[in-house]
N, C-alpha and C. Protein backbone atom coordinates (compact mmCIF):
# COMPACT_ATOMS: atom_id res chain seq x y z
N MET A 1 95.99 64.03 54.18
CA MET A 1 96.49 62.52 54.52
C MET A 1 96.36 62.47 55.69
N THR A 2 95.83 61.97 55.88
CA THR A 2 95.22 61.78 58.40
C THR A 2 96.19 59.91 58.15
N THR A 3 95.98 60.84 59.67
CA THR A 3 97.77 59.24 60.25
C THR A 3 95.96 58.29 60.99
N LYS A 4 96.50 57.36 61.17
CA LYS A 4 94.89 56.09 62.53
C LYS A 4 94.54 56.75 63.06
N THR A 5 94.94 57.96 63.96
CA THR A 5 94.66 59.47 64.60
C THR A 5 93.19 59.44 64.40
N GLY A 6 93.12 60.30 63.20
CA GLY A 6 92.43 60.47 62.61
C GLY A 6 93.19 62.42 62.52
N LEU A 7 93.88 62.30 62.67
CA LEU A 7 94.60 63.45 63.13
C LEU A 7 94.98 64.08 61.13
N ALA A 8 95.41 65.72 60.61
CA ALA A 8 96.00 65.60 59.56
C ALA A 8 97.27 64.94 59.58
N ARG A 9 98.34 65.29 58.90
CA ARG A 9 100.23 65.10 58.59
C ARG A 9 99.69 67.00 57.73
N THR A 10 100.75 67.61 59.24
CA THR A 10 101.21 69.09 57.75
C THR A 10 102.34 68.61 57.23
N LYS A 11 102.64 69.00 55.47
CA LYS A 11 103.21 69.19 55.20
C LYS A 11 104.47 69.23 55.76
N PRO A 12 105.78 68.92 55.52
CA PRO A 12 107.34 68.98 55.86
C PRO A 12 107.90 70.78 55.29
N ASN A 13 108.58 71.53 55.93
CA ASN A 13 108.83 72.51 55.77
C ASN A 13 110.40 72.00 54.98
N LEU A 14 110.89 71.83 54.43
CA LEU A 14 111.42 71.48 53.71
C LEU A 14 112.87 72.70 52.66
N PHE A 15 114.11 72.71 53.64
CA PHE A 15 115.26 73.42 53.27
C PHE A 15 114.68 75.18 54.85
N GLY A 16 113.32 75.41 55.01
CA GLY A 16 113.05 76.76 55.54
C GLY A 16 112.60 77.33 54.69
N VAL A 17 112.09 76.27 53.70
CA VAL A 17 111.29 77.34 52.36
C VAL A 17 109.50 77.00 53.13
N PRO A 18 108.58 77.82 52.33
CA PRO A 18 107.88 77.92 52.98
C PRO A 18 106.12 76.74 51.19
N SER A 19 105.52 76.53 52.61
CA SER A 19 104.82 75.26 51.71
C SER A 19 104.28 76.63 50.23
N LEU A 20 103.47 75.76 49.54
CA LEU A 20 103.91 76.38 48.19
C LEU A 20 102.18 77.03 48.50
N GLU A 21 100.74 76.62 49.32
CA GLU A 21 100.28 77.39 49.61
C GLU A 21 100.66 78.33 50.70
N THR A 22 101.67 78.52 51.69
CA THR A 22 102.15 79.27 52.99
C THR A 22 102.42 80.44 52.19
N ALA A 23 103.28 80.19 50.69
CA ALA A 23 103.92 81.30 49.70
C ALA A 23 102.93 82.01 48.92
N GLN A 24 101.42 81.49 48.51
CA GLN A 24 100.75 82.26 47.80
C GLN A 24 100.00 83.11 48.83
N ALA A 25 99.79 82.58 50.05
CA ALA A 25 99.08 83.40 51.64
C ALA A 25 99.81 83.82 51.13
N ILE A 26 101.53 84.20 51.08
CA ILE A 26 102.57 85.92 51.37
C ILE A 26 102.26 86.65 50.08
N ASP A 27 101.64 85.53 49.55
CA ASP A 27 101.96 86.66 48.05
C ASP A 27 99.80 87.57 47.67
N ASP A 28 98.82 87.05 47.80
CA ASP A 28 98.14 87.65 48.24
C ASP A 28 98.23 88.76 48.78
N SER A 29 98.84 88.56 50.04
CA SER A 29 99.70 89.84 51.46
C SER A 29 99.26 91.40 51.29
N ASP A 30 100.79 90.72 49.98
CA ASP A 30 102.19 91.68 49.50
C ASP A 30 100.74 92.65 48.49
N LYS A 31 100.12 91.42 47.60
CA LYS A 31 98.71 91.93 46.82
C LYS A 31 98.66 93.09 47.90
N ALA A 32 97.99 92.88 48.50
CA ALA A 32 96.92 93.95 49.34
C ALA A 32 97.46 94.72 49.71
N ALA A 33 98.52 94.89 50.79
CA ALA A 33 99.39 95.92 51.39
C ALA A 33 100.48 96.78 50.06
N ALA A 34 99.34 96.87 48.62
CA ALA A 34 100.43 96.68 47.70
C ALA A 34 99.91 97.74 46.82
N LEU A 35 97.82 97.28 46.97
CA LEU A 35 97.33 98.38 46.90
C LEU A 35 97.35 99.24 47.51
N GLN A 36 97.23 98.88 48.54
CA GLN A 36 97.26 100.54 49.65
C GLN A 36 97.78 101.88 48.53
N ALA A 37 98.66 101.33 48.41
CA ALA A 37 99.68 102.79 48.01
C ALA A 37 98.97 103.35 47.06
N PRO A 38 98.96 102.61 46.41
CA PRO A 38 97.74 104.29 45.36
C PRO A 38 97.03 104.45 46.00
N HIS A 39 95.57 103.72 47.27
CA HIS A 39 94.10 103.63 47.00
C HIS A 39 94.59 105.47 47.84
N TYR A 40 95.72 105.28 48.76
CA TYR A 40 96.08 106.42 49.83
C TYR A 40 96.66 108.16 49.19
N ARG A 41 97.36 107.04 47.83
CA ARG A 41 97.51 108.39 46.80
C ARG A 41 96.31 108.87 46.56
N LEU A 42 95.50 107.83 45.98
CA LEU A 42 94.52 108.79 45.05
C LEU A 42 93.56 109.73 46.45
N SER A 43 93.40 108.78 47.48
CA SER A 43 92.90 109.99 48.88
C SER A 43 92.87 110.59 48.73
N ALA A 44 94.88 111.34 48.90
CA ALA A 44 95.48 112.49 49.25
C ALA A 44 94.88 112.58 48.01
N ARG A 45 94.90 113.28 46.45
CA ARG A 45 94.95 113.84 46.16
C ARG A 45 93.24 114.44 45.45
N MET A 46 92.36 113.46 45.51
CA MET A 46 91.16 114.36 46.12
C MET A 46 90.96 114.74 47.37
N CYS A 47 90.97 114.82 48.09
CA CYS A 47 91.27 115.64 49.64
C CYS A 47 92.05 117.19 48.88
N GLU A 48 93.33 117.20 48.41
CA GLU A 48 93.87 118.21 47.42
C GLU A 48 93.25 118.36 46.64
N LEU A 49 92.22 117.90 45.63
CA LEU A 49 90.75 119.36 45.16
C LEU A 49 90.09 119.15 45.87
N GLU A 50 89.28 118.96 46.49
CA GLU A 50 88.42 119.41 46.73
C GLU A 50 88.74 121.31 47.59
N GLN A 51 89.67 120.63 47.77
CA GLN A 51 90.22 121.91 48.62
C GLN A 51 90.42 123.16 47.15
N GLN A 52 90.97 123.07 46.57
CA GLN A 52 91.03 124.02 45.41
C GLN A 52 89.67 124.42 45.80
N PHE A 53 88.47 123.81 45.09
CA PHE A 53 87.22 123.73 44.57
C PHE A 53 87.06 124.63 45.67
N ASP A 54 87.46 124.01 46.49
CA ASP A 54 86.69 125.49 47.74
C ASP A 54 86.61 126.46 48.26
N VAL A 55 88.60 126.53 47.59
CA VAL A 55 88.63 127.74 47.54
C VAL A 55 88.24 128.86 46.57
N LYS A 56 88.60 127.75 45.46
CA LYS A 56 87.50 128.67 44.17
C LYS A 56 86.46 128.90 44.17
N ALA A 57 85.62 128.00 44.33
CA ALA A 57 83.81 128.49 44.95
C ALA A 57 83.73 129.88 45.58
N SER A 58 85.49 130.73 46.80
CA SER A 58 84.88 130.80 47.81
C SER A 58 85.12 132.41 46.68
N GLU A 59 85.69 132.23 46.36
CA GLU A 59 86.59 133.47 45.00
C GLU A 59 85.45 134.16 44.67
N LEU A 60 85.12 132.11 43.67
CA LEU A 60 83.83 132.92 42.57
C LEU A 60 82.53 133.03 43.40
N ARG A 61 81.74 133.49 44.86
CA ARG A 61 80.67 133.89 45.04
C ARG A 61 81.01 134.79 46.03
N ALA A 62 82.85 134.87 46.55
CA ALA A 62 83.22 136.81 47.29
C ALA A 62 82.23 137.91 45.98
N ALA A 63 83.65 137.30 44.24
CA ALA A 63 82.81 138.44 44.03
C ALA A 63 81.99 138.74 42.66
N PHE A 64 81.19 137.16 43.10
CA PHE A 64 79.89 137.84 42.45
C PHE A 64 78.84 138.37 43.39
N VAL A 65 78.68 138.08 44.58
CA VAL A 65 78.57 139.09 46.11
C VAL A 65 78.96 140.64 45.50
N SER A 66 80.50 140.76 45.75
CA SER A 66 80.28 141.40 45.69
C SER A 66 80.18 142.91 44.23
N GLU A 67 80.13 142.47 42.78
CA GLU A 67 79.18 142.66 41.74
C GLU A 67 77.55 143.06 42.01
N CYS A 68 76.83 142.02 43.13
CA CYS A 68 75.44 142.21 42.86
C CYS A 68 75.41 143.96 44.05
N GLN A 69 76.37 143.76 44.80
CA GLN A 69 76.52 144.57 45.90
C GLN A 69 76.66 146.60 44.79
N GLU A 70 77.70 146.17 44.42
CA GLU A 70 78.05 147.12 43.11
C GLU A 70 76.58 147.89 41.96
N ILE A 71 76.55 146.44 42.05
CA ILE A 71 75.45 147.58 40.81
C ILE A 71 74.06 147.19 41.39
N LEU A 72 73.75 147.18 42.41
CA LEU A 72 72.27 147.19 43.71
C LEU A 72 72.74 148.74 44.02
N GLY A 73 73.95 149.44 44.58
CA GLY A 73 73.87 150.46 44.77
C GLY A 73 74.43 151.50 44.02
N GLU A 74 74.59 151.08 42.58
CA GLU A 74 74.30 152.09 42.10
C GLU A 74 73.03 151.94 41.21
N ALA A 75 72.30 151.38 42.08
CA ALA A 75 70.35 151.23 41.38
C ALA A 75 70.07 152.71 42.53
N ASP A 76 70.58 152.40 43.66
CA ASP A 76 70.34 153.21 44.42
C ASP A 76 70.36 155.09 44.15
N GLU A 77 71.62 155.48 43.84
CA GLU A 77 71.93 156.71 43.58
C GLU A 77 71.08 157.63 42.49
């Protein structure tokens, strides 16, 4: 609705309750904030798994190098 001056009227805020549009905006904001928590947990778990992978890969590389050195050491004898 517009007044004679062309300015839009704001909806009344009855009994301290926000308008439906405001309530919807609050709900959307809450959903966005709520979705950040599982995303954070996923990111943290992925970092943890990457670290575990790096440790295991390092152990496997060390075992491979050690085994190759043993084979090459035996071949020299």
